[in-house]
Amino acid sequence: MAKKTKYLNVREVQNAYEIVILSKKVHNELEEEMDSVMHMLFFQTRSHIQMDLSNLPYLPITLLTKLLNIARDLRLKKRVLVLLGLPISSYMYLKRFGLIRLVFPSEAILRESQRQPRG
């Protein structure tokens, strides 16, 4: 599956689809493209979804809520949404409300995604 997108890079990886956000800030066009791609992956595949948010300095609560809703829907279908490069403010929000395991299904993934590069 190679969908041409302007603000996202989507590729198939081992038993999952990886979405990398290329934009440096959140705006309406990015959110619309994310909605489109996420819904397409939800309905047209049976794969897990991994999203790399490391290019975004912050996530608006509205976008974080959308991602949590998608994560819940995927969980009902025995699939997961894994968020990588989550801004610390969003991570603390998820931790505060006990939602970490929704987007980090195992501690191994959590440790890997929160590891800071050395150097």
C-alpha atoms as a PDB file:
ATOM      1  CA  MET A   1       0.000   0.000   0.000  1.00  0.00           C
ATOM      2  CA  ALA A   2       1.612   3.219  -1.086  1.00  0.00           C
ATOM      3  CA  LYS A   3      -0.737   6.114  -0.547  1.00  0.00           C
ATOM      4  CA  LYS A   4       0.712   9.433  -1.649  1.00  0.00           C
ATOM      5  CA  THR A   5       0.369  11.971   1.118  1.00  0.00           C
ATOM      6  CA  LYS A   6       1.649  15.475   1.702  1.00  0.00           C
ATOM      7  CA  TYR A   7       2.161  15.544   5.480  1.00  0.00           C
ATOM      8  CA  LEU A   8       2.586  11.835   6.281  1.00  0.00           C
ATOM      9  CA  ASN A   9       4.877   9.021   5.252  1.00  0.00           C
ATOM     10  CA  VAL A  10       2.986   5.707   5.313  1.00  0.00           C
ATOM     11  CA  ARG A  11       4.710   2.376   4.831  1.00  0.00           C
ATOM     12  CA  GLU A  12       4.097  -1.232   5.638  1.00  0.00           C
ATOM     13  CA  VAL A  13       6.447  -2.764   8.182  1.00  0.00           C
ATOM     14  CA  GLN A  14       6.402  -6.146   9.879  1.00  0.00           C
ATOM     15  CA  ASN A  15       2.700  -6.870  10.649  1.00  0.00           C
ATOM     16  CA  ALA A  16       1.924  -3.152  10.935  1.00  0.00           C
ATOM     17  CA  TYR A  17       1.721   0.138   9.129  1.00  0.00           C
ATOM     18  CA  GLU A  18       4.073   2.888  10.161  1.00  0.00           C
ATOM     19  CA  ILE A  19       2.940   6.499   9.859  1.00  0.00           C
ATOM     20  CA  VAL A  20       5.558   9.205  10.227  1.00  0.00           C
ATOM     21  CA  ILE A  21       4.301  12.764  10.547  1.00  0.00           C
ATOM     22  CA  LEU A  22       6.461  14.972   8.340  1.00  0.00           C
ATOM     23  CA  SER A  23       4.961  18.298   9.387  1.00  0.00           C
ATOM     24  CA  LYS A  24       6.555  20.364  12.158  1.00  0.00           C
ATOM     25  CA  LYS A  25       3.224  21.701  13.421  1.00  0.00           C
ATOM     26  CA  VAL A  26      -0.392  20.608  13.680  1.00  0.00           C
ATOM     27  CA  HIS A  27      -2.846  22.270  11.293  1.00  0.00           C
ATOM     28  CA  ASN A  28      -6.185  21.425   9.689  1.00  0.00           C
ATOM     29  CA  GLU A  29      -4.723  19.876   6.537  1.00  0.00           C
ATOM     30  CA  LEU A  30      -2.514  17.559   8.607  1.00  0.00           C
ATOM     31  CA  GLU A  31      -5.450  16.487  10.775  1.00  0.00           C
ATOM     32  CA  GLU A  32      -7.625  15.820   7.716  1.00  0.00           C
ATOM     33  CA  GLU A  33      -4.897  13.746   6.098  1.00  0.00           C
ATOM     34  CA  MET A  34      -4.337  11.811   9.342  1.00  0.00           C
ATOM     35  CA  ASP A  35      -8.068  11.119   9.658  1.00  0.00           C
ATOM     36  CA  SER A  36      -8.212   9.866   6.090  1.00  0.00           C
ATOM     37  CA  VAL A  37      -5.179   7.597   6.392  1.00  0.00           C
ATOM     38  CA  MET A  38      -6.126   6.244   9.818  1.00  0.00           C
ATOM     39  CA  HIS A  39      -9.662   5.413   8.715  1.00  0.00           C
ATOM     40  CA  MET A  40      -8.399   3.786   5.543  1.00  0.00           C
ATOM     41  CA  LEU A  41      -5.975   1.627   7.549  1.00  0.00           C
ATOM     42  CA  PHE A  42      -8.678   0.804  10.081  1.00  0.00           C
ATOM     43  CA  PHE A  43     -11.217  -0.376   7.521  1.00  0.00           C
ATOM     44  CA  GLN A  44      -9.002  -1.777   4.736  1.00  0.00           C
ATOM     45  CA  THR A  45      -6.329  -3.654   6.690  1.00  0.00           C
ATOM     46  CA  ARG A  46      -6.046  -5.930   9.685  1.00  0.00           C
ATOM     47  CA  SER A  47      -2.692  -4.577  10.754  1.00  0.00           C
ATOM     48  CA  HIS A  48      -1.468  -2.731  13.802  1.00  0.00           C
ATOM     49  CA  ILE A  49      -0.585   0.949  13.396  1.00  0.00           C
ATOM     50  CA  GLN A  50       2.562   2.631  14.636  1.00  0.00           C
ATOM     51  CA  MET A  51       2.672   6.429  14.539  1.00  0.00           C
ATOM     52  CA  ASP A  52       5.841   8.482  14.908  1.00  0.00           C
ATOM     53  CA  LEU A  53       5.049  11.911  16.362  1.00  0.00           C
ATOM     54  CA  SER A  54       8.648  12.992  16.974  1.00  0.00           C
ATOM     55  CA  ASN A  55       8.511  15.920  14.493  1.00  0.00           C
ATOM     56  CA  LEU A  56       5.713  17.591  16.466  1.00  0.00           C
ATOM     57  CA  PRO A  57       6.756  19.707  19.462  1.00  0.00           C
ATOM     58  CA  TYR A  58       3.293  19.327  21.040  1.00  0.00           C
ATOM     59  CA  LEU A  59      -0.066  17.653  20.430  1.00  0.00           C
ATOM     60  CA  PRO A  60      -3.274  19.636  20.849  1.00  0.00           C
ATOM     61  CA  ILE A  61      -5.738  17.879  23.159  1.00  0.00           C
ATOM     62  CA  THR A  62      -8.169  17.519  20.247  1.00  0.00           C
ATOM     63  CA  LEU A  63      -5.644  15.500  18.226  1.00  0.00           C
ATOM     64  CA  LEU A  64      -4.627  13.437  21.250  1.00  0.00           C
ATOM     65  CA  THR A  65      -8.298  12.640  21.857  1.00  0.00           C
ATOM     66  CA  LYS A  66      -8.717  11.516  18.224  1.00  0.00           C
ATOM     67  CA  LEU A  67      -5.699   9.240  18.561  1.00  0.00           C
ATOM     68  CA  LEU A  68      -7.043   7.762  21.805  1.00  0.00           C
ATOM     69  CA  ASN A  69     -10.408   7.077  20.151  1.00  0.00           C
ATOM     70  CA  ILE A  70      -8.690   5.317  17.262  1.00  0.00           C
ATOM     71  CA  ALA A  71      -6.576   3.330  19.736  1.00  0.00           C
ATOM     72  CA  ARG A  72      -9.743   2.180  21.523  1.00  0.00           C
ATOM     73  CA  ASP A  73     -11.411   1.210  18.237  1.00  0.00           C
ATOM     74  CA  LEU A  74      -8.325  -0.747  17.164  1.00  0.00           C
ATOM     75  CA  ARG A  75      -8.187  -2.503  20.532  1.00  0.00           C
ATOM     76  CA  LEU A  76     -11.765  -3.722  19.984  1.00  0.00           C
ATOM     77  CA  LYS A  77     -10.568  -5.318  16.744  1.00  0.00           C
ATOM     78  CA  LYS A  78      -7.585  -6.976  18.525  1.00  0.00           C
ATOM     79  CA  ARG A  79      -5.144  -4.453  17.039  1.00  0.00           C
ATOM     80  CA  VAL A  80      -3.050  -1.704  18.585  1.00  0.00           C
ATOM     81  CA  LEU A  81      -1.979   1.862  17.953  1.00  0.00           C
ATOM     82  CA  VAL A  82       1.556   2.522  19.173  1.00  0.00           C
ATOM     83  CA  LEU A  83       2.667   6.141  19.512  1.00  0.00           C
ATOM     84  CA  LEU A  84       6.384   6.859  19.209  1.00  0.00           C
ATOM     85  CA  GLY A  85       8.043  10.187  19.936  1.00  0.00           C
ATOM     86  CA  LEU A  86       5.130  11.386  22.034  1.00  0.00           C
ATOM     87  CA  PRO A  87       5.742  14.881  23.470  1.00  0.00           C
ATOM     88  CA  ILE A  88       6.353  14.782  27.222  1.00  0.00           C
ATOM     89  CA  SER A  89       3.249  16.884  27.964  1.00  0.00           C
ATOM     90  CA  SER A  90       1.064  14.347  26.157  1.00  0.00           C
ATOM     91  CA  TYR A  91       2.857  11.469  27.851  1.00  0.00           C
ATOM     92  CA  MET A  92       2.209  13.019  31.280  1.00  0.00           C
ATOM     93  CA  TYR A  93      -1.464  13.518  30.381  1.00  0.00           C
ATOM     94  CA  LEU A  94      -1.818   9.853  29.420  1.00  0.00           C
ATOM     95  CA  LYS A  95       0.015   8.783  32.561  1.00  0.00           C
ATOM     96  CA  ARG A  96      -2.138  11.003  34.789  1.00  0.00           C
ATOM     97  CA  PHE A  97      -5.360   9.456  33.476  1.00  0.00           C
ATOM     98  CA  GLY A  98      -4.098   5.876  33.262  1.00  0.00           C
ATOM     99  CA  LEU A  99      -4.161   5.714  29.466  1.00  0.00           C
ATOM    100  CA  ILE A 100      -0.528   4.735  28.848  1.00  0.00           C
ATOM    101  CA  ARG A 101      -1.270   1.078  28.103  1.00  0.00           C
ATOM    102  CA  LEU A 102      -3.732   2.129  25.407  1.00  0.00           C
ATOM    103  CA  VAL A 103      -0.932   3.447  23.185  1.00  0.00           C
ATOM    104  CA  PHE A 104       2.049   1.605  24.717  1.00  0.00           C
ATOM    105  CA  PRO A 105       0.732  -1.966  24.964  1.00  0.00           C
ATOM    106  CA  SER A 106       3.826  -3.374  26.671  1.00  0.00           C
ATOM    107  CA  GLU A 107       6.547  -2.009  28.907  1.00  0.00           C
ATOM    108  CA  ALA A 108       9.173  -3.047  26.349  1.00  0.00           C
ATOM    109  CA  ILE A 109       7.582  -0.743  23.776  1.00  0.00           C
ATOM    110  CA  LEU A 110       7.289   2.023  26.364  1.00  0.00           C
ATOM    111  CA  ARG A 111      10.969   1.776  27.261  1.00  0.00           C
ATOM    112  CA  GLU A 112      11.985   1.724  23.601  1.00  0.00           C
ATOM    113  CA  SER A 113       9.837   4.703  22.649  1.00  0.00           C
ATOM    114  CA  GLN A 114      10.948   6.824  25.608  1.00  0.00           C
ATOM    115  CA  ARG A 115      14.669   6.087  25.187  1.00  0.00           C
ATOM    116  CA  GLN A 116      16.639   9.236  24.478  1.00  0.00           C
ATOM    117  CA  PRO A 117      19.309   9.068  21.751  1.00  0.00           C
ATOM    118  CA  ARG A 118      22.832   9.165  23.101  1.00  0.00           C
ATOM    119  CA  GLY A 119      25.439  11.411  21.693  1.00  0.00           C
END
